[in-house]
Amino acid sequence: MSRSHQASGARLARTLLLFMLFMPAFFLAALDAQAQGSTMPGSEILKLTSSGRHDEARTRGLARVTGVKDDIDAYVALSWSLVALKKYSEAESWAFKGYSLRKDPRLAQAIGEASFYLGKNEVALQMLCEYIASYPEGQRAGLSFYLCGELYLRSALYMHADIALSTAVTHSPSNPLWWTRLGWARENAKKYLQALSAYESALALSPNFVDALEGRKRIQDRMRE
């Protein structure tokens, strides 16, 4: 075999070797790009969460954050759906992971809501207040004010609870539970006429709401003394 043929054969062998070495990397990169492209973006997963499709949002959210680490909307959708599914520890964990990437107030809200149900009162209040400060008229502002009110009730800070729950019912005036809890806060703050008004508002929405009926009776009995 001539030297030229030997050199040509050597070049071909090197080319084949390089192809064999780098082909897996190209193949894996293509698969990764395909996988990322097949996951639903976080902005779309949020729409699933908003429409109450929480199981689907959870599945798609997990797939998205696994493949795309910096899609904050996906972390928000995943965390809120997990809270809705009452998987509070899981929700808290994923919300913290997203929050470590970007301190998005929506993730603070998810942490706060999950922490509320986990009994982590200080963390819950801090994170919920962070969300409220950024989005006082946001999608979950009313709920966040309500949860803050409940946290203040846990701490026997009845005036604080009154303020938080009063704001909550301005966001959701048709919620009899929130009106009743406002009545309870005012009753404990010894603001009896205002408590009665709150209980009456609850009963106007739900005439058989037991806690509101009992609250109204306590106030009326007190006023007869």
N, C-alpha and C. Protein backbone atom coordinates (compact mmCIF):
# COMPACT_ATOMS: atom_id res chain seq x y z
N MET A 1 0.85 -1.21 0.00
CA MET A 1 0.00 0.00 0.00
C MET A 1 0.87 1.24 0.00
N SER A 2 0.53 2.23 -0.85
CA SER A 2 1.34 3.43 -0.95
C SER A 2 1.17 4.28 0.28
N ARG A 3 2.15 5.17 0.45
CA ARG A 3 2.06 6.08 1.61
C ARG A 3 0.82 6.96 1.54
N SER A 4 0.41 7.38 0.37
CA SER A 4 -0.76 8.26 0.24
C SER A 4 -2.02 7.51 0.68
N HIS A 5 -2.07 6.21 0.31
CA HIS A 5 -3.23 5.44 0.73
C HIS A 5 -3.23 5.23 2.25
N GLN A 6 -2.01 5.02 2.78
CA GLN A 6 -1.91 4.86 4.24
C GLN A 6 -2.34 6.13 4.97
N ALA A 7 -1.90 7.29 4.46
CA ALA A 7 -2.28 8.57 5.09
C ALA A 7 -3.77 8.79 5.00
N SER A 8 -4.35 8.46 3.83
CA SER A 8 -5.79 8.62 3.66
C SER A 8 -6.55 7.71 4.61
N GLY A 9 -6.06 6.50 4.75
CA GLY A 9 -6.71 5.55 5.66
C GLY A 9 -6.61 6.02 7.11
N ALA A 10 -5.50 6.60 7.47
CA ALA A 10 -5.32 7.10 8.85
C ALA A 10 -6.28 8.25 9.13
N ARG A 11 -6.42 9.15 8.13
CA ARG A 11 -7.34 10.28 8.31
C ARG A 11 -8.77 9.78 8.47
N LEU A 12 -9.14 8.78 7.67
CA LEU A 12 -10.49 8.22 7.76
C LEU A 12 -10.73 7.58 9.12
N ALA A 13 -9.69 6.88 9.60
CA ALA A 13 -9.81 6.23 10.91
C ALA A 13 -9.99 7.27 12.01
N ARG A 14 -9.23 8.39 11.93
CA ARG A 14 -9.36 9.45 12.93
C ARG A 14 -10.76 10.08 12.87
N THR A 15 -11.23 10.28 11.65
CA THR A 15 -12.56 10.88 11.49
C THR A 15 -13.64 9.98 12.09
N LEU A 16 -13.54 8.69 11.83
CA LEU A 16 -14.51 7.75 12.39
C LEU A 16 -14.43 7.71 13.91
N LEU A 17 -13.19 7.77 14.42
CA LEU A 17 -13.01 7.75 15.87
C LEU A 17 -13.64 8.98 16.51
N LEU A 18 -13.39 10.16 15.93
CA LEU A 18 -13.98 11.40 16.45
C LEU A 18 -15.50 11.35 16.38
N PHE A 19 -16.02 10.79 15.28
CA PHE A 19 -17.47 10.69 15.13
C PHE A 19 -18.06 9.81 16.22
N MET A 20 -17.39 8.68 16.48
CA MET A 20 -17.88 7.75 17.49
C MET A 20 -17.79 8.34 18.89
N LEU A 21 -16.76 9.18 19.12
CA LEU A 21 -16.59 9.78 20.44
C LEU A 21 -17.63 10.86 20.71
N PHE A 22 -17.91 11.68 19.71
CA PHE A 22 -18.76 12.84 19.93
C PHE A 22 -20.22 12.62 19.56
N MET A 23 -20.51 11.55 18.83
CA MET A 23 -21.90 11.29 18.45
C MET A 23 -22.82 11.15 19.66
N PRO A 24 -22.42 10.43 20.72
CA PRO A 24 -23.32 10.34 21.89
C PRO A 24 -23.65 11.70 22.49
N ALA A 25 -22.66 12.61 22.52
CA ALA A 25 -22.91 13.93 23.09
C ALA A 25 -23.92 14.70 22.25
N PHE A 26 -23.75 14.63 20.91
CA PHE A 26 -24.70 15.30 20.04
C PHE A 26 -26.10 14.70 20.18
N PHE A 27 -26.11 13.36 20.30
CA PHE A 27 -27.39 12.67 20.42
C PHE A 27 -28.11 13.05 21.71
N LEU A 28 -27.34 13.08 22.81
CA LEU A 28 -27.94 13.45 24.10
C LEU A 28 -28.40 14.90 24.10
N ALA A 29 -27.64 15.79 23.49
CA ALA A 29 -28.03 17.20 23.43
C ALA A 29 -29.33 17.36 22.64
N ALA A 30 -29.44 16.59 21.57
CA ALA A 30 -30.67 16.66 20.77
C ALA A 30 -31.87 16.15 21.56
N LEU A 31 -31.64 15.06 22.31
CA LEU A 31 -32.72 14.52 23.14
C LEU A 31 -33.12 15.52 24.22
N ASP A 32 -32.11 16.18 24.82
CA ASP A 32 -32.40 17.15 25.86
C ASP A 32 -33.20 18.32 25.31
N ALA A 33 -32.80 18.81 24.14
CA ALA A 33 -33.53 19.91 23.52
C ALA A 33 -34.96 19.50 23.19
N GLN A 34 -35.10 18.24 22.72
CA GLN A 34 -36.43 17.76 22.39
C GLN A 34 -37.29 17.66 23.65
N ALA A 35 -36.67 17.16 24.75
CA ALA A 35 -37.41 17.02 26.00
C ALA A 35 -37.86 18.37 26.54
N GLN A 36 -36.96 19.36 26.46
CA GLN A 36 -37.31 20.69 26.95
C GLN A 36 -38.42 21.30 26.10
N GLY A 37 -38.34 21.07 24.81
CA GLY A 37 -39.35 21.62 23.93
C GLY A 37 -40.72 20.99 24.13
N SER A 38 -40.72 19.73 24.64
CA SER A 38 -41.98 19.03 24.80
C SER A 38 -42.70 19.39 26.09
N THR A 39 -42.01 20.04 27.04
CA THR A 39 -42.67 20.42 28.29
C THR A 39 -43.41 21.73 28.11
N MET A 40 -44.50 21.86 28.82
CA MET A 40 -45.31 23.07 28.74
C MET A 40 -44.64 24.19 29.51
N PRO A 41 -44.52 25.40 28.95
CA PRO A 41 -43.91 26.51 29.68
C PRO A 41 -44.71 26.87 30.91
N GLY A 42 -44.02 27.45 31.89
CA GLY A 42 -44.65 27.77 33.17
C GLY A 42 -45.84 28.69 33.05
N SER A 43 -45.79 29.63 32.12
CA SER A 43 -46.91 30.56 31.95
C SER A 43 -48.19 29.83 31.57
N GLU A 44 -48.05 28.74 30.82
CA GLU A 44 -49.21 27.93 30.44
C GLU A 44 -49.67 27.04 31.60
N ILE A 45 -48.71 26.55 32.37
CA ILE A 45 -49.06 25.71 33.52
C ILE A 45 -49.81 26.53 34.56
N LEU A 46 -49.45 27.81 34.68
CA LEU A 46 -50.19 28.70 35.59
C LEU A 46 -51.67 28.79 35.22
N LYS A 47 -51.97 28.72 33.93
CA LYS A 47 -53.36 28.75 33.50
C LYS A 47 -54.11 27.51 33.97
N LEU A 48 -53.41 26.37 33.99
CA LEU A 48 -54.01 25.15 34.52
C LEU A 48 -54.32 25.30 36.00
N THR A 49 -53.37 25.89 36.73
CA THR A 49 -53.57 26.12 38.16
C THR A 49 -54.76 27.05 38.39
N SER A 50 -54.83 28.12 37.63
CA SER A 50 -55.90 29.10 37.79
C SER A 50 -57.28 28.50 37.48
N SER A 51 -57.30 27.51 36.58
CA SER A 51 -58.57 26.88 36.22
C SER A 51 -58.91 25.68 37.09
N GLY A 52 -58.07 25.43 38.11
CA GLY A 52 -58.36 24.34 39.05
C GLY A 52 -57.91 22.97 38.62
N ARG A 53 -57.13 22.88 37.57
CA ARG A 53 -56.64 21.58 37.08
C ARG A 53 -55.31 21.25 37.77
N HIS A 54 -55.39 21.04 39.07
CA HIS A 54 -54.19 20.98 39.90
C HIS A 54 -53.37 19.72 39.70
N ASP A 55 -54.01 18.59 39.47
CA ASP A 55 -53.25 17.37 39.24
C ASP A 55 -52.43 17.47 37.96
N GLU A 56 -53.05 18.01 36.92
CA GLU A 56 -52.32 18.18 35.66
C GLU A 56 -51.22 19.21 35.81
N ALA A 57 -51.52 20.29 36.53
CA ALA A 57 -50.50 21.33 36.75
C ALA A 57 -49.33 20.77 37.55
N ARG A 58 -49.63 19.93 38.51
CA ARG A 58 -48.55 19.31 39.29
C ARG A 58 -47.66 18.45 38.40
N THR A 59 -48.26 17.60 37.56
CA THR A 59 -47.49 16.71 36.69
C THR A 59 -46.65 17.51 35.70
N ARG A 60 -47.27 18.48 35.06
CA ARG A 60 -46.55 19.28 34.07
C ARG A 60 -45.52 20.19 34.72
N GLY A 61 -45.85 20.69 35.91
CA GLY A 61 -44.91 21.55 36.62
C GLY A 61 -43.65 20.79 37.02
N LEU A 62 -43.82 19.57 37.51
CA LEU A 62 -42.66 18.75 37.89
C LEU A 62 -41.78 18.46 36.67
N ALA A 63 -42.42 18.15 35.55
CA ALA A 63 -41.65 17.89 34.32
C ALA A 63 -40.88 19.13 33.88
N ARG A 64 -41.52 20.29 34.01
CA ARG A 64 -40.89 21.53 33.55
C ARG A 64 -39.71 21.93 34.42
N VAL A 65 -39.88 21.92 35.73
CA VAL A 65 -38.78 22.36 36.59
C VAL A 65 -37.64 21.36 36.60
N THR A 66 -37.92 20.11 36.25
CA THR A 66 -36.85 19.12 36.14
C THR A 66 -36.00 19.38 34.91
N GLY A 67 -36.66 19.78 33.81
CA GLY A 67 -35.93 20.00 32.57
C GLY A 67 -35.43 21.41 32.37
N VAL A 68 -36.15 22.38 32.94
CA VAL A 68 -35.79 23.79 32.77
C VAL A 68 -35.71 24.42 34.16
N LYS A 69 -34.51 24.62 34.64
CA LYS A 69 -34.31 24.96 36.05
C LYS A 69 -34.74 26.38 36.42
N ASP A 70 -34.84 27.28 35.45
CA ASP A 70 -35.05 28.69 35.79
C ASP A 70 -36.41 29.22 35.35
N ASP A 71 -37.38 28.33 35.12
CA ASP A 71 -38.73 28.76 34.75
C ASP A 71 -39.51 29.03 36.04
N ILE A 72 -39.47 30.28 36.50
CA ILE A 72 -40.08 30.63 37.78
C ILE A 72 -41.59 30.43 37.77
N ASP A 73 -42.23 30.73 36.65
CA ASP A 73 -43.67 30.52 36.55
C ASP A 73 -44.03 29.06 36.81
N ALA A 74 -43.17 28.15 36.36
CA ALA A 74 -43.44 26.72 36.58
C ALA A 74 -43.37 26.39 38.07
N TYR A 75 -42.40 26.97 38.77
CA TYR A 75 -42.30 26.76 40.22
C TYR A 75 -43.53 27.31 40.94
N VAL A 76 -44.00 28.47 40.49
CA VAL A 76 -45.18 29.08 41.11
C VAL A 76 -46.40 28.19 40.89
N ALA A 77 -46.63 27.77 39.64
CA ALA A 77 -47.78 26.92 39.33
C ALA A 77 -47.72 25.61 40.09
N LEU A 78 -46.55 25.01 40.12
CA LEU A 78 -46.37 23.75 40.83
C LEU A 78 -46.66 23.91 42.32
N SER A 79 -46.11 24.96 42.92
CA SER A 79 -46.27 25.18 44.36
C SER A 79 -47.72 25.45 44.73
N TRP A 80 -48.39 26.32 43.96
CA TRP A 80 -49.79 26.64 44.25
C TRP A 80 -50.68 25.42 44.06
N SER A 81 -50.41 24.61 43.05
CA SER A 81 -51.22 23.42 42.84
C SER A 81 -51.00 22.41 43.96
N LEU A 82 -49.78 22.27 44.42
CA LEU A 82 -49.51 21.36 45.53
C LEU A 82 -50.21 21.83 46.81
N VAL A 83 -50.26 23.13 47.03
CA VAL A 83 -51.01 23.65 48.18
C VAL A 83 -52.49 23.30 48.03
N ALA A 84 -53.03 23.50 46.83
CA ALA A 84 -54.43 23.19 46.59
C ALA A 84 -54.72 21.71 46.81
N LEU A 85 -53.74 20.87 46.52
CA LEU A 85 -53.88 19.42 46.72
C LEU A 85 -53.57 19.00 48.16
N LYS A 86 -53.28 20.00 49.02
CA LYS A 86 -52.99 19.80 50.44
C LYS A 86 -51.70 19.00 50.67
N LYS A 87 -50.79 19.11 49.73
CA LYS A 87 -49.46 18.51 49.87
C LYS A 87 -48.50 19.63 50.32
N TYR A 88 -48.66 20.02 51.57
CA TYR A 88 -48.04 21.26 52.05
C TYR A 88 -46.53 21.16 52.16
N SER A 89 -46.01 20.06 52.65
CA SER A 89 -44.55 19.92 52.76
C SER A 89 -43.89 19.94 51.39
N GLU A 90 -44.51 19.25 50.44
CA GLU A 90 -43.98 19.23 49.07
C GLU A 90 -44.07 20.61 48.45
N ALA A 91 -45.18 21.29 48.68
CA ALA A 91 -45.34 22.65 48.15
C ALA A 91 -44.28 23.58 48.72
N GLU A 92 -44.07 23.51 50.02
CA GLU A 92 -43.07 24.36 50.67
C GLU A 92 -41.69 24.10 50.09
N SER A 93 -41.35 22.83 49.90
CA SER A 93 -40.03 22.47 49.39
C SER A 93 -39.79 23.02 47.99
N TRP A 94 -40.75 22.84 47.08
CA TRP A 94 -40.57 23.33 45.71
C TRP A 94 -40.60 24.85 45.65
N ALA A 95 -41.43 25.47 46.49
CA ALA A 95 -41.47 26.93 46.51
C ALA A 95 -40.14 27.50 46.98
N PHE A 96 -39.55 26.88 47.98
CA PHE A 96 -38.24 27.34 48.46
C PHE A 96 -37.17 27.16 47.39
N LYS A 97 -37.24 26.07 46.63
CA LYS A 97 -36.27 25.85 45.55
C LYS A 97 -36.37 26.96 44.51
N GLY A 98 -37.59 27.30 44.13
CA GLY A 98 -37.77 28.39 43.18
C GLY A 98 -37.35 29.72 43.77
N TYR A 99 -37.68 29.93 45.04
CA TYR A 99 -37.35 31.19 45.72
C TYR A 99 -35.84 31.38 45.83
N SER A 100 -35.10 30.28 45.92
CA SER A 100 -33.63 30.38 45.98
C SER A 100 -33.05 30.84 44.65
N LEU A 101 -33.79 30.61 43.56
CA LEU A 101 -33.35 31.08 42.24
C LEU A 101 -33.72 32.54 42.02
N ARG A 102 -34.92 32.90 42.45
CA ARG A 102 -35.39 34.28 42.31
C ARG A 102 -36.43 34.55 43.39
N LYS A 103 -36.26 35.63 44.10
CA LYS A 103 -37.16 35.94 45.21
C LYS A 103 -38.47 36.54 44.67
N ASP A 104 -39.20 35.72 43.97
CA ASP A 104 -40.48 36.13 43.40
C ASP A 104 -41.53 36.16 44.51
N PRO A 105 -42.26 37.27 44.66
CA PRO A 105 -43.28 37.36 45.73
C PRO A 105 -44.34 36.28 45.64
N ARG A 106 -44.61 35.77 44.45
CA ARG A 106 -45.60 34.70 44.32
C ARG A 106 -45.12 33.43 44.99
N LEU A 107 -43.82 33.17 44.91
CA LEU A 107 -43.26 32.02 45.61
C LEU A 107 -43.25 32.26 47.11
N ALA A 108 -43.05 33.52 47.51
CA ALA A 108 -43.15 33.86 48.94
C ALA A 108 -44.56 33.53 49.43
N GLN A 109 -45.57 33.85 48.63
CA GLN A 109 -46.95 33.54 49.01
C GLN A 109 -47.16 32.03 49.15
N ALA A 110 -46.61 31.27 48.21
CA ALA A 110 -46.75 29.82 48.28
C ALA A 110 -46.08 29.26 49.53
N ILE A 111 -44.90 29.78 49.85
CA ILE A 111 -44.21 29.37 51.08
C ILE A 111 -45.06 29.73 52.29
N GLY A 112 -45.58 30.96 52.29
CA GLY A 112 -46.39 31.42 53.41
C GLY A 112 -47.63 30.58 53.61
N GLU A 113 -48.31 30.26 52.51
CA GLU A 113 -49.55 29.48 52.61
C GLU A 113 -49.26 28.06 53.10
N ALA A 114 -48.22 27.44 52.53
CA ALA A 114 -47.86 26.09 52.96
C ALA A 114 -47.42 26.10 54.42
N SER A 115 -46.62 27.10 54.80
CA SER A 115 -46.14 27.19 56.18
C SER A 115 -47.28 27.41 57.16
N PHE A 116 -48.32 28.14 56.74
CA PHE A 116 -49.50 28.34 57.58
C PHE A 116 -50.10 27.00 57.99
N TYR A 117 -50.28 26.12 57.02
CA TYR A 117 -50.89 24.83 57.31
C TYR A 117 -49.93 23.88 58.02
N LEU A 118 -48.64 24.15 57.91
CA LEU A 118 -47.64 23.33 58.62
C LEU A 118 -47.38 23.84 60.03
N GLY A 119 -48.07 24.94 60.41
CA GLY A 119 -47.92 25.48 61.76
C GLY A 119 -46.67 26.31 61.96
N LYS A 120 -46.04 26.73 60.88
CA LYS A 120 -44.83 27.55 60.97
C LYS A 120 -45.26 29.02 60.90
N ASN A 121 -45.74 29.51 62.01
CA ASN A 121 -46.44 30.80 62.03
C ASN A 121 -45.56 31.98 61.62
N GLU A 122 -44.34 32.05 62.15
CA GLU A 122 -43.48 33.20 61.86
C GLU A 122 -43.10 33.25 60.39
N VAL A 123 -42.71 32.10 59.85
CA VAL A 123 -42.35 32.04 58.42
C VAL A 123 -43.56 32.40 57.57
N ALA A 124 -44.69 31.84 57.93
CA ALA A 124 -45.92 32.09 57.16
C ALA A 124 -46.24 33.58 57.12
N LEU A 125 -46.21 34.23 58.27
CA LEU A 125 -46.55 35.66 58.33
C LEU A 125 -45.56 36.49 57.53
N GLN A 126 -44.28 36.20 57.67
CA GLN A 126 -43.25 36.96 56.96
C GLN A 126 -43.43 36.85 55.45
N MET A 127 -43.65 35.64 54.97
CA MET A 127 -43.75 35.42 53.53
C MET A 127 -45.07 35.97 52.95
N LEU A 128 -46.15 35.82 53.69
CA LEU A 128 -47.42 36.36 53.22
C LEU A 128 -47.37 37.88 53.14
N CYS A 129 -46.74 38.50 54.14
CA CYS A 129 -46.61 39.96 54.12
C CYS A 129 -45.74 40.43 52.96
N GLU A 130 -44.73 39.62 52.61
CA GLU A 130 -43.88 39.96 51.46
C GLU A 130 -44.71 39.97 50.17
N TYR A 131 -45.58 39.00 50.04
CA TYR A 131 -46.45 38.96 48.85
C TYR A 131 -47.41 40.15 48.84
N ILE A 132 -48.04 40.41 49.98
CA ILE A 132 -49.01 41.51 50.06
C ILE A 132 -48.35 42.85 49.75
N ALA A 133 -47.12 43.04 50.22
CA ALA A 133 -46.41 44.30 49.97
C ALA A 133 -46.18 44.51 48.48
N SER A 134 -45.98 43.42 47.74
CA SER A 134 -45.72 43.52 46.30
C SER A 134 -46.99 43.51 45.47
N TYR A 135 -47.99 42.74 45.93
CA TYR A 135 -49.23 42.59 45.17
C TYR A 135 -50.44 42.79 46.07
N PRO A 136 -50.67 44.01 46.56
CA PRO A 136 -51.82 44.24 47.47
C PRO A 136 -53.17 44.01 46.81
N GLU A 137 -53.20 44.01 45.49
CA GLU A 137 -54.43 43.71 44.75
C GLU A 137 -54.24 42.47 43.89
N GLY A 138 -53.30 41.64 44.25
CA GLY A 138 -52.96 40.48 43.43
C GLY A 138 -53.98 39.37 43.50
N GLN A 139 -53.72 38.35 42.69
CA GLN A 139 -54.63 37.22 42.55
C GLN A 139 -54.91 36.54 43.90
N ARG A 140 -53.91 36.49 44.76
CA ARG A 140 -54.06 35.80 46.04
C ARG A 140 -53.95 36.77 47.22
N ALA A 141 -54.22 38.04 46.97
CA ALA A 141 -54.13 39.04 48.04
C ALA A 141 -55.19 38.80 49.11
N GLY A 142 -56.44 38.59 48.68
CA GLY A 142 -57.51 38.37 49.65
C GLY A 142 -57.21 37.17 50.54
N LEU A 143 -56.82 36.06 49.93
CA LEU A 143 -56.48 34.87 50.69
C LEU A 143 -55.32 35.13 51.63
N SER A 144 -54.33 35.88 51.16
CA SER A 144 -53.16 36.16 51.99
C SER A 144 -53.53 37.03 53.19
N PHE A 145 -54.39 38.03 52.98
CA PHE A 145 -54.86 38.83 54.12
C PHE A 145 -55.63 37.95 55.11
N TYR A 146 -56.47 37.05 54.58
CA TYR A 146 -57.22 36.17 55.46
C TYR A 146 -56.28 35.30 56.30
N LEU A 147 -55.28 34.70 55.66
CA LEU A 147 -54.34 33.85 56.39
C LEU A 147 -53.57 34.65 57.43
N CYS A 148 -53.20 35.89 57.09
CA CYS A 148 -52.54 36.75 58.08
C CYS A 148 -53.47 37.00 59.27
N GLY A 149 -54.74 37.22 58.98
CA GLY A 149 -55.71 37.40 60.05
C GLY A 149 -55.77 36.19 60.97
N GLU A 150 -55.78 35.01 60.39
CA GLU A 150 -55.79 33.79 61.19
C GLU A 150 -54.50 33.64 62.01
N LEU A 151 -53.39 34.03 61.43
CA LEU A 151 -52.12 33.98 62.16
C LEU A 151 -52.13 34.93 63.35
N TYR A 152 -52.70 36.11 63.15
CA TYR A 152 -52.81 37.06 64.27
C TYR A 152 -53.76 36.52 65.35
N LEU A 153 -54.83 35.84 64.93
CA LEU A 153 -55.72 35.23 65.91
C LEU A 153 -54.98 34.16 66.72
N ARG A 154 -54.13 33.40 66.06
CA ARG A 154 -53.35 32.38 66.77
C ARG A 154 -52.47 33.02 67.85
N SER A 155 -52.05 34.25 67.59
CA SER A 155 -51.17 34.95 68.54
C SER A 155 -51.94 35.88 69.46
N ALA A 156 -53.27 35.82 69.40
CA ALA A 156 -54.15 36.66 70.24
C ALA A 156 -53.92 38.15 69.99
N LEU A 157 -53.53 38.51 68.77
CA LEU A 157 -53.37 39.91 68.37
C LEU A 157 -54.65 40.31 67.64
N TYR A 158 -55.69 40.60 68.41
CA TYR A 158 -57.02 40.73 67.85
C TYR A 158 -57.21 41.99 67.01
N MET A 159 -56.57 43.08 67.39
CA MET A 159 -56.67 44.30 66.58
C MET A 159 -55.99 44.11 65.22
N HIS A 160 -54.83 43.46 65.25
CA HIS A 160 -54.15 43.15 63.99
C HIS A 160 -55.02 42.24 63.12
N ALA A 161 -55.64 41.26 63.77
CA ALA A 161 -56.51 40.33 63.04
C ALA A 161 -57.69 41.07 62.42
N ASP A 162 -58.24 42.01 63.17
CA ASP A 162 -59.35 42.82 62.66
C ASP A 162 -58.95 43.53 61.37
N ILE A 163 -57.79 44.16 61.38
CA ILE A 163 -57.32 44.90 60.19
C ILE A 163 -57.14 43.95 59.01
N ALA A 164 -56.47 42.82 59.24
CA ALA A 164 -56.19 41.88 58.15
C ALA A 164 -57.47 41.27 57.59
N LEU A 165 -58.36 40.86 58.48
CA LEU A 165 -59.60 40.22 58.04
C LEU A 165 -60.56 41.23 57.40
N SER A 166 -60.55 42.48 57.90
CA SER A 166 -61.36 43.53 57.27
C SER A 166 -60.93 43.74 55.83
N THR A 167 -59.62 43.68 55.60
CA THR A 167 -59.10 43.83 54.24
C THR A 167 -59.45 42.61 53.40
N ALA A 168 -59.39 41.43 54.02
CA ALA A 168 -59.71 40.19 53.29
C ALA A 168 -61.14 40.25 52.74
N VAL A 169 -62.09 40.69 53.55
CA VAL A 169 -63.48 40.69 53.09
C VAL A 169 -63.76 41.78 52.05
N THR A 170 -62.90 42.78 51.97
CA THR A 170 -63.06 43.74 50.86
C THR A 170 -62.68 43.08 49.54
N HIS A 171 -61.76 42.12 49.62
CA HIS A 171 -61.38 41.37 48.41
C HIS A 171 -62.42 40.31 48.07
N SER A 172 -63.02 39.73 49.09
CA SER A 172 -63.99 38.65 48.86
C SER A 172 -65.20 38.85 49.77
N PRO A 173 -66.07 39.80 49.43
CA PRO A 173 -67.18 40.14 50.32
C PRO A 173 -68.27 39.07 50.41
N SER A 174 -68.20 38.04 49.60
CA SER A 174 -69.22 37.00 49.62
C SER A 174 -68.78 35.73 50.33
N ASN A 175 -67.76 35.86 51.18
CA ASN A 175 -67.23 34.69 51.90
C ASN A 175 -67.72 34.71 53.34
N PRO A 176 -68.70 33.89 53.70
CA PRO A 176 -69.25 33.94 55.06
C PRO A 176 -68.25 33.53 56.14
N LEU A 177 -67.35 32.63 55.80
CA LEU A 177 -66.34 32.22 56.79
C LEU A 177 -65.47 33.40 57.19
N TRP A 178 -65.02 34.16 56.19
CA TRP A 178 -64.14 35.29 56.49
C TRP A 178 -64.85 36.34 57.33
N TRP A 179 -66.13 36.59 57.03
CA TRP A 179 -66.91 37.54 57.84
C TRP A 179 -67.05 37.03 59.28
N THR A 180 -67.25 35.73 59.42
CA THR A 180 -67.39 35.16 60.76
C THR A 180 -66.09 35.28 61.55
N ARG A 181 -64.99 35.01 60.91
CA ARG A 181 -63.70 35.13 61.59
C ARG A 181 -63.41 36.60 61.95
N LEU A 182 -63.85 37.51 61.10
CA LEU A 182 -63.73 38.93 61.42
C LEU A 182 -64.57 39.26 62.66
N GLY A 183 -65.78 38.70 62.71
CA GLY A 183 -66.61 38.90 63.90
C GLY A 183 -65.93 38.38 65.16
N TRP A 184 -65.29 37.22 65.05
CA TRP A 184 -64.59 36.63 66.19
C TRP A 184 -63.43 37.52 66.64
N ALA A 185 -62.68 38.06 65.67
CA ALA A 185 -61.56 38.96 66.02
C ALA A 185 -62.09 40.19 66.75
N ARG A 186 -63.15 40.77 66.24
CA ARG A 186 -63.72 41.99 66.85
C ARG A 186 -64.34 41.68 68.22
N GLU A 187 -64.95 40.52 68.33
CA GLU A 187 -65.54 40.14 69.62
C GLU A 187 -64.45 40.03 70.68
N ASN A 188 -63.33 39.42 70.33
CA ASN A 188 -62.23 39.28 71.28
C ASN A 188 -61.52 40.61 71.55
N ALA A 189 -61.64 41.53 70.60
CA ALA A 189 -61.09 42.88 70.82
C ALA A 189 -62.07 43.77 71.56
N LYS A 190 -63.23 43.18 71.95
CA LYS A 190 -64.29 43.88 72.70
C LYS A 190 -64.93 45.00 71.87
N LYS A 191 -64.96 44.80 70.58
CA LYS A 191 -65.64 45.73 69.67
C LYS A 191 -66.96 45.07 69.29
N TYR A 192 -67.89 45.07 70.23
CA TYR A 192 -69.06 44.21 70.12
C TYR A 192 -70.02 44.61 69.01
N LEU A 193 -70.28 45.89 68.86
CA LEU A 193 -71.20 46.31 67.80
C LEU A 193 -70.63 45.98 66.42
N GLN A 194 -69.32 46.18 66.25
CA GLN A 194 -68.69 45.85 64.98
C GLN A 194 -68.64 44.35 64.76
N ALA A 195 -68.47 43.60 65.85
CA ALA A 195 -68.51 42.14 65.75
C ALA A 195 -69.88 41.68 65.30
N LEU A 196 -70.92 42.26 65.89
CA LEU A 196 -72.29 41.91 65.50
C LEU A 196 -72.52 42.19 64.03
N SER A 197 -72.03 43.31 63.56
CA SER A 197 -72.18 43.66 62.16
C SER A 197 -71.52 42.62 61.26
N ALA A 198 -70.35 42.15 61.65
CA ALA A 198 -69.64 41.14 60.86
C ALA A 198 -70.41 39.82 60.85
N TYR A 199 -70.91 39.41 62.01
CA TYR A 199 -71.70 38.18 62.07
C TYR A 199 -72.97 38.30 61.22
N GLU A 200 -73.59 39.46 61.26
CA GLU A 200 -74.79 39.68 60.44
C GLU A 200 -74.46 39.60 58.95
N SER A 201 -73.31 40.12 58.57
CA SER A 201 -72.90 40.04 57.16
C SER A 201 -72.71 38.58 56.75
N ALA A 202 -72.13 37.78 57.64
CA ALA A 202 -71.95 36.35 57.35
C ALA A 202 -73.29 35.66 57.17
N LEU A 203 -74.25 35.98 58.07
CA LEU A 203 -75.55 35.32 58.03
C LEU A 203 -76.40 35.79 56.84
N ALA A 204 -76.16 36.99 56.36
CA ALA A 204 -76.86 37.45 55.16
C ALA A 204 -76.45 36.61 53.95
N LEU A 205 -75.23 36.11 53.99
CA LEU A 205 -74.72 35.27 52.90
C LEU A 205 -75.07 33.80 53.11
N SER A 206 -75.07 33.37 54.38
CA SER A 206 -75.33 31.97 54.70
C SER A 206 -76.12 31.91 56.01
N PRO A 207 -77.45 31.93 55.94
CA PRO A 207 -78.30 32.06 57.14
C PRO A 207 -78.12 30.96 58.18
N ASN A 208 -77.61 29.81 57.76
CA ASN A 208 -77.46 28.70 58.70
C ASN A 208 -76.01 28.45 59.11
N PHE A 209 -75.16 29.44 58.90
CA PHE A 209 -73.75 29.29 59.26
C PHE A 209 -73.64 29.26 60.79
N VAL A 210 -73.30 28.09 61.33
CA VAL A 210 -73.41 27.86 62.77
C VAL A 210 -72.54 28.80 63.58
N ASP A 211 -71.27 28.96 63.19
CA ASP A 211 -70.37 29.82 63.97
C ASP A 211 -70.87 31.27 64.01
N ALA A 212 -71.44 31.73 62.90
CA ALA A 212 -71.97 33.10 62.87
C ALA A 212 -73.23 33.21 63.72
N LEU A 213 -74.08 32.20 63.68
CA LEU A 213 -75.28 32.20 64.52
C LEU A 213 -74.92 32.24 66.00
N GLU A 214 -73.94 31.43 66.37
CA GLU A 214 -73.51 31.40 67.77
C GLU A 214 -72.85 32.71 68.17
N GLY A 215 -72.06 33.28 67.26
CA GLY A 215 -71.42 34.56 67.54
C GLY A 215 -72.43 35.67 67.73
N ARG A 216 -73.42 35.72 66.85
CA ARG A 216 -74.46 36.74 66.99
C ARG A 216 -75.20 36.58 68.32
N LYS A 217 -75.51 35.34 68.70
CA LYS A 217 -76.22 35.11 69.95
C LYS A 217 -75.40 35.56 71.15
N ARG A 218 -74.10 35.29 71.13
CA ARG A 218 -73.23 35.74 72.24
C ARG A 218 -73.28 37.25 72.39
N ILE A 219 -73.19 37.93 71.26
CA ILE A 219 -73.20 39.40 71.31
C ILE A 219 -74.56 39.91 71.78
N GLN A 220 -75.63 39.34 71.27
CA GLN A 220 -76.98 39.79 71.68
C GLN A 220 -77.22 39.52 73.15
N ASP A 221 -76.76 38.37 73.65
CA ASP A 221 -76.91 38.09 75.09
C ASP A 221 -76.12 39.07 75.92
N ARG A 222 -74.94 39.40 75.46
CA ARG A 222 -74.11 40.37 76.19
C ARG A 222 -74.78 41.74 76.23
N MET A 223 -75.39 42.13 75.13
CA MET A 223 -76.01 43.46 75.05
C MET A 223 -77.28 43.53 75.89
N ARG A 224 -77.85 42.38 76.24
CA ARG A 224 -79.05 42.37 77.10
C ARG A 224 -78.71 42.46 78.59
N GLU A 225 -77.46 42.21 78.91
CA GLU A 225 -77.04 42.20 80.32
C GLU A 225 -77.15 43.58 80.95
